């Protein structure tokens, strides 16, 4: 429950900023004064990034001091959080540098430059906020790397041992993905400048044909041997499966493999949240390749490994479906792919137990 509450708290400011930006966009597109609302959205997001800069610079500056006085990690409670002396500087850098870039991305000249290589409108408050918010993905990735996948695994292992019930993981995953879906709907203008039906149409969430369902299922199954091939080729050049990634994934999703509902959750929740946000909302503006890259990097539990490459390739296929069909088809493929992998993992565990 605490984990779900934490996720909700993190999403609240993002919803506020997106609502304000869309309200400004609604006024802009109807030739009404909108600059005050747009400025409020920019200042709100810049304030969040300013906090990231201050905290990040503070952490990085504290690195040399902690090297000399490592007992301060215990005093500050950072040792229990899995932070080592080597990771303090990386954590600080992972906070302040992307936060600074996020603020820079709000500047009109930078937005115009971004618009030259994407379909973003440099004058749109919504597009400006979306562009700057993309740095949240980098912050999440760098902070995860700063903690270290091994440290995170140890922390989760202790939490799962203290509370082995899988219900908490189920609820947290559904809450997170539901909020991502809601952010996508709000982000494209629901509640401010589009009706719910219009927002769904903008996201590409429409009815699908039987042919599209079969195409999605076929591509989901085809991805399984493709993933195996990518991992095999990676192993040939010393970029194979990562033990830390496997251990962390087991701690994150292992409890969900214990029941049919958990397996369905792995597929359905991700399709519900990630596809509307990435394929539905982002791809028409950021483009296929950049969206697939953001999609790969948001899976920070994989670090930068062969698994990141796999998710990038998956994002390209899902993006192709979105571009040539609709987001609903990509949702079906994403859910089917995840469920297939979860079933394979479940059967493998049962075989090992047998």
Protein backbone atom coordinates (compact mmCIF):
# COMPACT_ATOMS: atom_id res chain seq x y z
CA UNK A 1 0.00 0.00 0.00
CA UNK A 2 2.83 2.40 0.84
CA UNK A 3 4.45 1.69 -2.53
CA UNK A 4 1.21 2.50 -4.36
CA UNK A 5 0.82 5.71 -2.36
CA UNK A 6 4.35 6.72 -3.32
CA UNK A 7 3.59 6.18 -7.00
CA UNK A 8 0.45 8.33 -6.74
CA UNK A 9 2.38 11.14 -5.05
CA UNK A 10 4.95 11.12 -7.88
CA UNK A 11 2.26 11.37 -10.56
CA UNK A 12 0.23 14.20 -8.96
CA UNK A 13 2.53 17.08 -10.03
CA UNK A 14 2.76 15.63 -13.55
CA UNK A 15 -1.04 15.65 -13.86
CA UNK A 16 -1.19 19.22 -12.56
CA UNK A 17 1.41 20.46 -15.03
CA UNK A 18 -0.20 18.64 -17.96
CA UNK A 19 -3.65 20.00 -17.12
CA UNK A 20 -2.31 23.56 -16.97
CA UNK A 21 -0.38 23.13 -20.23
CA UNK A 22 -3.46 21.75 -21.98
CA UNK A 23 -5.59 24.59 -20.65
CA UNK A 24 -3.06 26.98 -22.15
CA UNK A 25 -3.12 25.02 -25.41
CA UNK A 26 -6.92 25.22 -25.53
CA UNK A 27 -6.72 29.01 -25.27
CA UNK A 28 -3.89 29.22 -27.81
CA UNK A 29 -5.79 27.26 -30.45
CA UNK A 30 -8.83 29.53 -30.03
CA UNK A 31 -6.77 32.74 -30.28
CA UNK A 32 -7.21 33.64 -26.61
CA UNK A 33 -4.47 34.87 -24.26
CA UNK A 34 -2.64 31.80 -23.03
CA UNK A 35 0.83 32.98 -22.00
CA UNK A 36 0.07 33.19 -18.26
CA UNK A 37 -1.13 29.59 -18.10
CA UNK A 38 1.77 28.39 -20.23
CA UNK A 39 4.21 30.22 -17.97
CA UNK A 40 2.62 28.60 -14.90
CA UNK A 41 3.13 25.15 -16.43
CA UNK A 42 6.76 25.93 -17.33
CA UNK A 43 7.55 27.39 -13.90
CA UNK A 44 5.95 24.42 -12.14
CA UNK A 45 8.02 21.93 -14.12
CA UNK A 46 11.15 24.06 -13.78
CA UNK A 47 10.62 24.13 -10.01
CA UNK A 48 10.59 20.33 -9.88
CA UNK A 49 13.79 20.26 -11.90
CA UNK A 50 15.33 22.92 -9.66
CA UNK A 51 14.74 20.64 -6.67
CA UNK A 52 16.46 17.86 -8.61
CA UNK A 53 19.43 20.12 -9.35
CA UNK A 54 19.82 21.25 -5.75
CA UNK A 55 19.52 17.78 -4.30
CA UNK A 56 21.77 16.28 -6.98
CA UNK A 57 24.50 18.88 -6.57
CA UNK A 58 24.30 18.39 -2.81
CA UNK A 59 24.73 14.65 -3.16
CA UNK A 60 27.65 14.99 -5.55
CA UNK A 61 29.34 17.54 -3.31
CA UNK A 62 28.89 15.20 -0.35
CA UNK A 63 30.75 12.41 -2.13
CA UNK A 64 34.30 13.41 -1.08
CA UNK A 65 33.13 14.02 2.49
CA UNK A 66 31.56 10.57 2.67
CA UNK A 67 34.74 9.06 1.29
CA UNK A 68 36.58 10.50 4.28
CA UNK A 69 33.80 9.77 6.79
CA UNK A 70 31.93 6.67 5.57
CA UNK A 71 30.09 6.39 8.89
CA UNK A 72 27.97 9.34 7.74
CA UNK A 73 26.12 6.95 5.41
CA UNK A 74 24.69 5.27 8.49
CA UNK A 75 23.97 8.60 10.20
CA UNK A 76 22.04 9.83 7.16
CA UNK A 77 20.27 6.50 6.71
CA UNK A 78 21.71 6.08 3.23
CA UNK A 79 23.46 2.80 3.94
CA UNK A 80 20.13 1.09 4.60
CA UNK A 81 18.87 2.50 1.29
CA UNK A 82 21.55 0.56 -0.57
CA UNK A 83 23.70 3.57 -1.39
CA UNK A 84 27.43 2.88 -1.44
CA UNK A 85 30.24 5.41 -1.45
CA UNK A 86 30.88 4.75 -5.12
CA UNK A 87 27.26 5.45 -6.06
CA UNK A 88 26.76 8.81 -4.31
CA UNK A 89 28.40 10.80 -7.10
CA UNK A 90 26.48 8.92 -9.79
CA UNK A 91 23.21 9.52 -7.94
CA UNK A 92 23.94 13.23 -7.70
CA UNK A 93 24.91 13.49 -11.36
CA UNK A 94 21.85 11.48 -12.36
CA UNK A 95 19.65 14.03 -10.63
CA UNK A 96 21.16 17.41 -11.46
CA UNK A 97 22.35 16.93 -15.04
CA UNK A 98 19.08 15.67 -16.61
CA UNK A 99 17.18 18.20 -14.48
CA UNK A 100 19.29 20.98 -15.95
CA UNK A 101 18.73 19.65 -19.46
CA UNK A 102 14.99 19.45 -18.74
CA UNK A 103 14.94 23.16 -17.87
CA UNK A 104 16.96 24.00 -20.99
CA UNK A 105 14.47 22.09 -23.16
CA UNK A 106 11.79 24.58 -22.13
CA UNK A 107 13.64 27.43 -23.84
CA UNK A 108 12.05 28.54 -27.16
CA UNK A 109 15.25 28.23 -29.27
CA UNK A 110 15.79 24.69 -28.02
CA UNK A 111 12.17 23.79 -28.73
CA UNK A 112 12.52 25.11 -32.26
CA UNK A 113 15.62 22.99 -32.76
CA UNK A 114 13.78 19.92 -31.45
CA UNK A 115 10.87 20.66 -33.78
CA UNK A 116 13.26 20.49 -36.74
CA UNK A 117 13.84 16.76 -36.15
CA UNK A 118 10.42 15.80 -34.74
CA UNK A 119 6.78 16.69 -35.26
CA UNK A 120 6.68 18.84 -32.14
CA UNK A 121 5.15 22.32 -32.40
CA UNK A 122 7.63 24.73 -30.76
CA UNK A 123 4.80 27.12 -29.89
CA UNK A 124 2.68 24.48 -28.15
CA UNK A 125 2.75 24.54 -24.32
CA UNK A 126 1.81 20.85 -24.27
CA UNK A 127 4.66 19.88 -26.58
CA UNK A 128 7.11 22.03 -24.61
CA UNK A 129 6.15 20.31 -21.36
CA UNK A 130 6.24 16.85 -22.97
CA UNK A 131 9.71 17.52 -24.39
CA UNK A 132 11.05 18.68 -21.02
CA UNK A 133 9.38 15.80 -19.17
CA UNK A 134 11.30 13.32 -21.33
CA UNK A 135 14.26 13.98 -19.03
CA UNK A 136 12.38 12.23 -16.22
CA UNK A 137 13.16 8.99 -18.05
CA UNK A 138 16.87 9.77 -17.95
CA UNK A 139 16.70 10.70 -14.27
CA UNK A 140 14.97 7.42 -13.47
CA UNK A 141 17.60 5.45 -15.41
CA UNK A 142 20.64 7.21 -13.97
CA UNK A 143 19.34 7.05 -10.40
CA UNK A 144 18.71 3.33 -10.85
CA UNK A 145 22.25 2.86 -12.15
CA UNK A 146 23.51 4.99 -9.28
CA UNK A 147 21.91 2.73 -6.73
CA UNK A 148 23.15 -0.29 -8.66
CA UNK A 149 21.03 -3.19 -9.86
CA UNK A 150 22.67 -5.47 -7.31
CA UNK A 151 21.88 -3.11 -4.42
CA UNK A 152 18.27 -2.78 -5.57
CA UNK A 153 17.97 -6.56 -5.74
CA UNK A 154 19.24 -6.87 -2.16
CA UNK A 155 16.76 -4.24 -0.97
CA UNK A 156 13.81 -5.88 -2.72
CA UNK A 157 14.87 -9.31 -1.50
CA UNK A 158 14.70 -8.05 2.08
CA UNK A 159 11.30 -6.44 1.46
CA UNK A 160 9.88 -9.56 -0.19
CA UNK A 161 11.19 -11.74 2.63
CA UNK A 162 9.50 -9.51 5.20
CA UNK A 163 6.28 -9.38 3.17
CA UNK A 164 6.08 -12.33 0.76
CA UNK A 165 2.46 -11.63 -0.20
CA UNK A 166 2.20 -10.91 -3.94
CA UNK A 167 -0.91 -8.73 -3.54
CA UNK A 168 1.19 -5.63 -2.88
CA UNK A 169 3.14 -6.10 -6.11
CA UNK A 170 -0.08 -6.66 -8.04
CA UNK A 171 -1.73 -3.53 -6.68
CA UNK A 172 1.38 -1.38 -7.18
CA UNK A 173 1.77 -2.48 -10.80
CA UNK A 174 -1.89 -1.82 -11.61
CA UNK A 175 -1.77 1.58 -9.91
CA UNK A 176 1.39 2.60 -11.78
CA UNK A 177 0.16 1.50 -15.19
CA UNK A 178 -3.32 2.95 -14.66
CA UNK A 179 -1.78 6.31 -13.82
CA UNK A 180 0.39 6.13 -16.94
CA UNK A 181 -2.72 5.51 -19.04
CA UNK A 182 -4.55 8.37 -17.34
CA UNK A 183 -1.57 10.67 -17.89
CA UNK A 184 -1.68 9.82 -21.59
CA UNK A 185 -5.40 10.65 -21.82
CA UNK A 186 -5.02 13.88 -19.85
CA UNK A 187 -1.85 14.73 -21.77
CA UNK A 188 -3.62 14.75 -25.13
CA UNK A 189 -6.30 17.08 -23.83
CA UNK A 190 -9.04 15.21 -22.01
CA UNK A 191 -10.80 17.44 -19.44
CA UNK A 192 -9.47 20.60 -21.09
CA UNK A 193 -9.70 20.68 -24.89
CA UNK A 194 -10.87 17.24 -26.04
CA UNK A 195 -13.76 14.98 -25.13
CA UNK A 196 -12.95 11.47 -23.95
CA UNK A 197 -13.89 10.07 -27.37
CA UNK A 198 -11.66 12.61 -29.12
CA UNK A 199 -8.80 11.80 -26.74
CA UNK A 200 -9.14 8.09 -27.51
CA UNK A 201 -9.07 8.85 -31.23
CA UNK A 202 -5.93 10.99 -30.80
CA UNK A 203 -4.29 8.13 -28.88
CA UNK A 204 -5.20 5.67 -31.63
CA UNK A 205 -7.27 3.52 -29.28
CA UNK A 206 -9.97 2.37 -31.66
CA UNK A 207 -11.74 -0.82 -32.67
CA UNK A 208 -9.62 -3.50 -34.26
CA UNK A 209 -10.39 -6.02 -36.96
CA UNK A 210 -9.92 -9.76 -36.68
CA UNK A 211 -6.95 -9.45 -39.03
CA UNK A 212 -5.30 -6.91 -36.74
CA UNK A 213 -5.79 -9.18 -33.72
CA UNK A 214 -4.19 -12.09 -35.57
CA UNK A 215 -1.33 -9.85 -36.70
CA UNK A 216 -0.71 -8.73 -33.12
CA UNK A 217 -0.76 -12.30 -31.81
CA UNK A 218 1.52 -13.50 -34.59
CA UNK A 219 4.08 -10.75 -33.99
CA UNK A 220 4.00 -11.41 -30.24
CA UNK A 221 4.87 -15.07 -30.80
CA UNK A 222 7.47 -14.19 -33.43
CA UNK A 223 9.23 -11.89 -30.96
CA UNK A 224 10.09 -14.82 -28.67
CA UNK A 225 12.67 -16.43 -31.01
CA UNK A 226 13.82 -12.97 -32.09
CA UNK A 227 14.61 -12.15 -28.46
CA UNK A 228 16.51 -15.42 -28.12
CA UNK A 229 18.49 -14.59 -31.27
CA UNK A 230 19.34 -11.07 -30.04
CA UNK A 231 20.53 -12.44 -26.70
CA UNK A 232 22.59 -15.13 -28.44
CA UNK A 233 24.24 -12.61 -30.76
CA UNK A 234 24.90 -10.38 -27.78
CA UNK A 235 26.61 -13.22 -25.95
CA UNK A 236 28.97 -13.70 -28.90
CA UNK A 237 30.36 -10.21 -28.38
CA UNK A 238 30.36 -10.32 -24.59
CA UNK A 239 27.04 -8.50 -24.24
CA UNK A 240 24.88 -11.39 -23.14
CA UNK A 241 22.40 -11.89 -20.32
CA UNK A 242 23.20 -9.93 -17.18
CA UNK A 243 22.98 -11.74 -13.83
CA UNK A 244 22.02 -8.55 -11.96
CA UNK A 245 19.18 -7.89 -14.40
CA UNK A 246 17.88 -11.42 -14.01
CA UNK A 247 18.08 -11.25 -10.22
CA UNK A 248 16.34 -7.86 -10.04
CA UNK A 249 13.61 -8.97 -12.46
CA UNK A 250 13.02 -12.03 -10.31
CA UNK A 251 12.57 -9.87 -7.21
CA UNK A 252 10.33 -7.39 -9.05
CA UNK A 253 8.11 -9.81 -10.93
CA UNK A 254 8.78 -13.20 -9.36
CA UNK A 255 5.79 -12.96 -6.98
CA UNK A 256 3.51 -12.33 -9.97
CA UNK A 257 4.47 -15.67 -11.54
CA UNK A 258 2.73 -17.53 -8.72
CA UNK A 259 -0.82 -17.14 -10.02
CA UNK A 260 -2.71 -16.89 -13.32
CA UNK A 261 -3.91 -13.40 -12.35
CA UNK A 262 -0.33 -12.34 -11.71
CA UNK A 263 0.71 -13.58 -15.15
CA UNK A 264 -2.20 -11.73 -16.75
CA UNK A 265 -1.24 -8.62 -14.80
CA UNK A 266 2.28 -8.66 -16.25
CA UNK A 267 0.79 -8.50 -19.73
CA UNK A 268 -2.40 -6.50 -19.37
CA UNK A 269 -1.16 -3.80 -17.00
CA UNK A 270 1.86 -2.94 -19.15
CA UNK A 271 -0.26 -2.82 -22.30
CA UNK A 272 -2.81 -0.62 -20.55
CA UNK A 273 -0.28 1.93 -19.32
CA UNK A 274 2.76 1.96 -21.59
CA UNK A 275 1.07 1.75 -24.99
CA UNK A 276 -1.28 4.74 -24.61
CA UNK A 277 1.57 6.86 -23.25
CA UNK A 278 4.37 5.88 -25.62
CA UNK A 279 2.70 4.69 -28.81
CA UNK A 280 -0.53 6.64 -28.38
CA UNK A 281 0.57 10.03 -27.06
CA UNK A 282 4.32 10.32 -27.69
CA UNK A 283 5.04 8.59 -31.00
CA UNK A 284 2.99 10.86 -33.29
CA UNK A 285 5.07 13.80 -32.02
CA UNK A 286 8.49 12.31 -31.17
CA UNK A 287 8.62 9.77 -34.01
CA UNK A 288 9.09 6.01 -34.13
CA UNK A 289 12.79 5.70 -33.28
CA UNK A 290 12.97 8.29 -30.49
CA UNK A 291 9.83 6.89 -28.86
CA UNK A 292 11.22 3.35 -29.02
CA UNK A 293 14.42 4.62 -27.40
CA UNK A 294 12.50 6.33 -24.58
CA UNK A 295 10.45 3.16 -24.15
CA UNK A 296 13.63 1.11 -23.79
CA UNK A 297 15.26 3.50 -21.33
CA UNK A 298 12.18 3.77 -19.11
CA UNK A 299 12.71 0.09 -18.26
CA UNK A 300 15.48 1.10 -15.88
CA UNK A 301 15.44 -2.28 -14.14
CA UNK A 302 17.38 -3.55 -17.18
CA UNK A 303 20.12 -0.93 -16.80
CA UNK A 304 22.03 -0.65 -20.09
CA UNK A 305 22.26 -4.29 -21.13
CA UNK A 306 21.21 -6.62 -23.92
CA UNK A 307 17.73 -6.49 -22.40
CA UNK A 308 17.64 -2.77 -23.27
CA UNK A 309 18.30 -3.69 -26.90
CA UNK A 310 15.50 -6.25 -26.78
CA UNK A 311 13.03 -3.68 -25.44
CA UNK A 312 14.14 -1.18 -28.09
CA UNK A 313 13.45 -3.71 -30.85
CA UNK A 314 10.09 -4.49 -29.24
CA UNK A 315 9.35 -0.76 -29.20
CA UNK A 316 10.11 -0.51 -32.92
CA UNK A 317 7.69 -3.34 -33.72
CA UNK A 318 4.99 -1.88 -31.47
CA UNK A 319 5.58 1.52 -33.05
CA UNK A 320 5.23 0.04 -36.53
CA UNK A 321 1.86 -1.37 -35.51
CA UNK A 322 0.78 2.01 -34.18
CA UNK A 323 1.87 3.81 -37.34
CA UNK A 324 0.33 1.35 -39.78
CA UNK A 325 -2.71 0.23 -37.78
CA UNK A 326 -3.58 1.67 -34.37
CA UNK A 327 -2.56 1.69 -30.72
CA UNK A 328 -5.11 -0.96 -29.81
CA UNK A 329 -3.28 -3.44 -32.03
CA UNK A 330 0.02 -2.57 -30.35
CA UNK A 331 -1.65 -3.03 -26.96
CA UNK A 332 -2.78 -6.53 -27.93
CA UNK A 333 0.70 -7.44 -29.13
CA UNK A 334 2.38 -6.02 -26.02
CA UNK A 335 0.04 -7.89 -23.69
CA UNK A 336 0.38 -11.13 -25.63
CA UNK A 337 4.17 -10.88 -25.74
CA UNK A 338 4.48 -10.25 -22.01
CA UNK A 339 2.03 -13.01 -21.14
CA UNK A 340 3.88 -15.45 -23.40
CA UNK A 341 7.19 -14.70 -21.68
CA UNK A 342 5.53 -14.95 -18.26
CA UNK A 343 4.04 -18.35 -19.11
CA UNK A 344 7.43 -19.58 -20.34
CA UNK A 345 9.03 -18.38 -17.09
CA UNK A 346 6.25 -20.00 -15.03
CA UNK A 347 6.61 -23.34 -16.81
CA UNK A 348 10.39 -23.18 -16.46
CA UNK A 349 10.07 -22.72 -12.70
CA UNK A 350 7.62 -25.59 -12.45
CA UNK A 351 9.91 -27.81 -14.52
CA UNK A 352 12.86 -27.02 -12.25
CA UNK A 353 10.74 -27.82 -9.18
CA UNK A 354 9.67 -31.11 -10.75
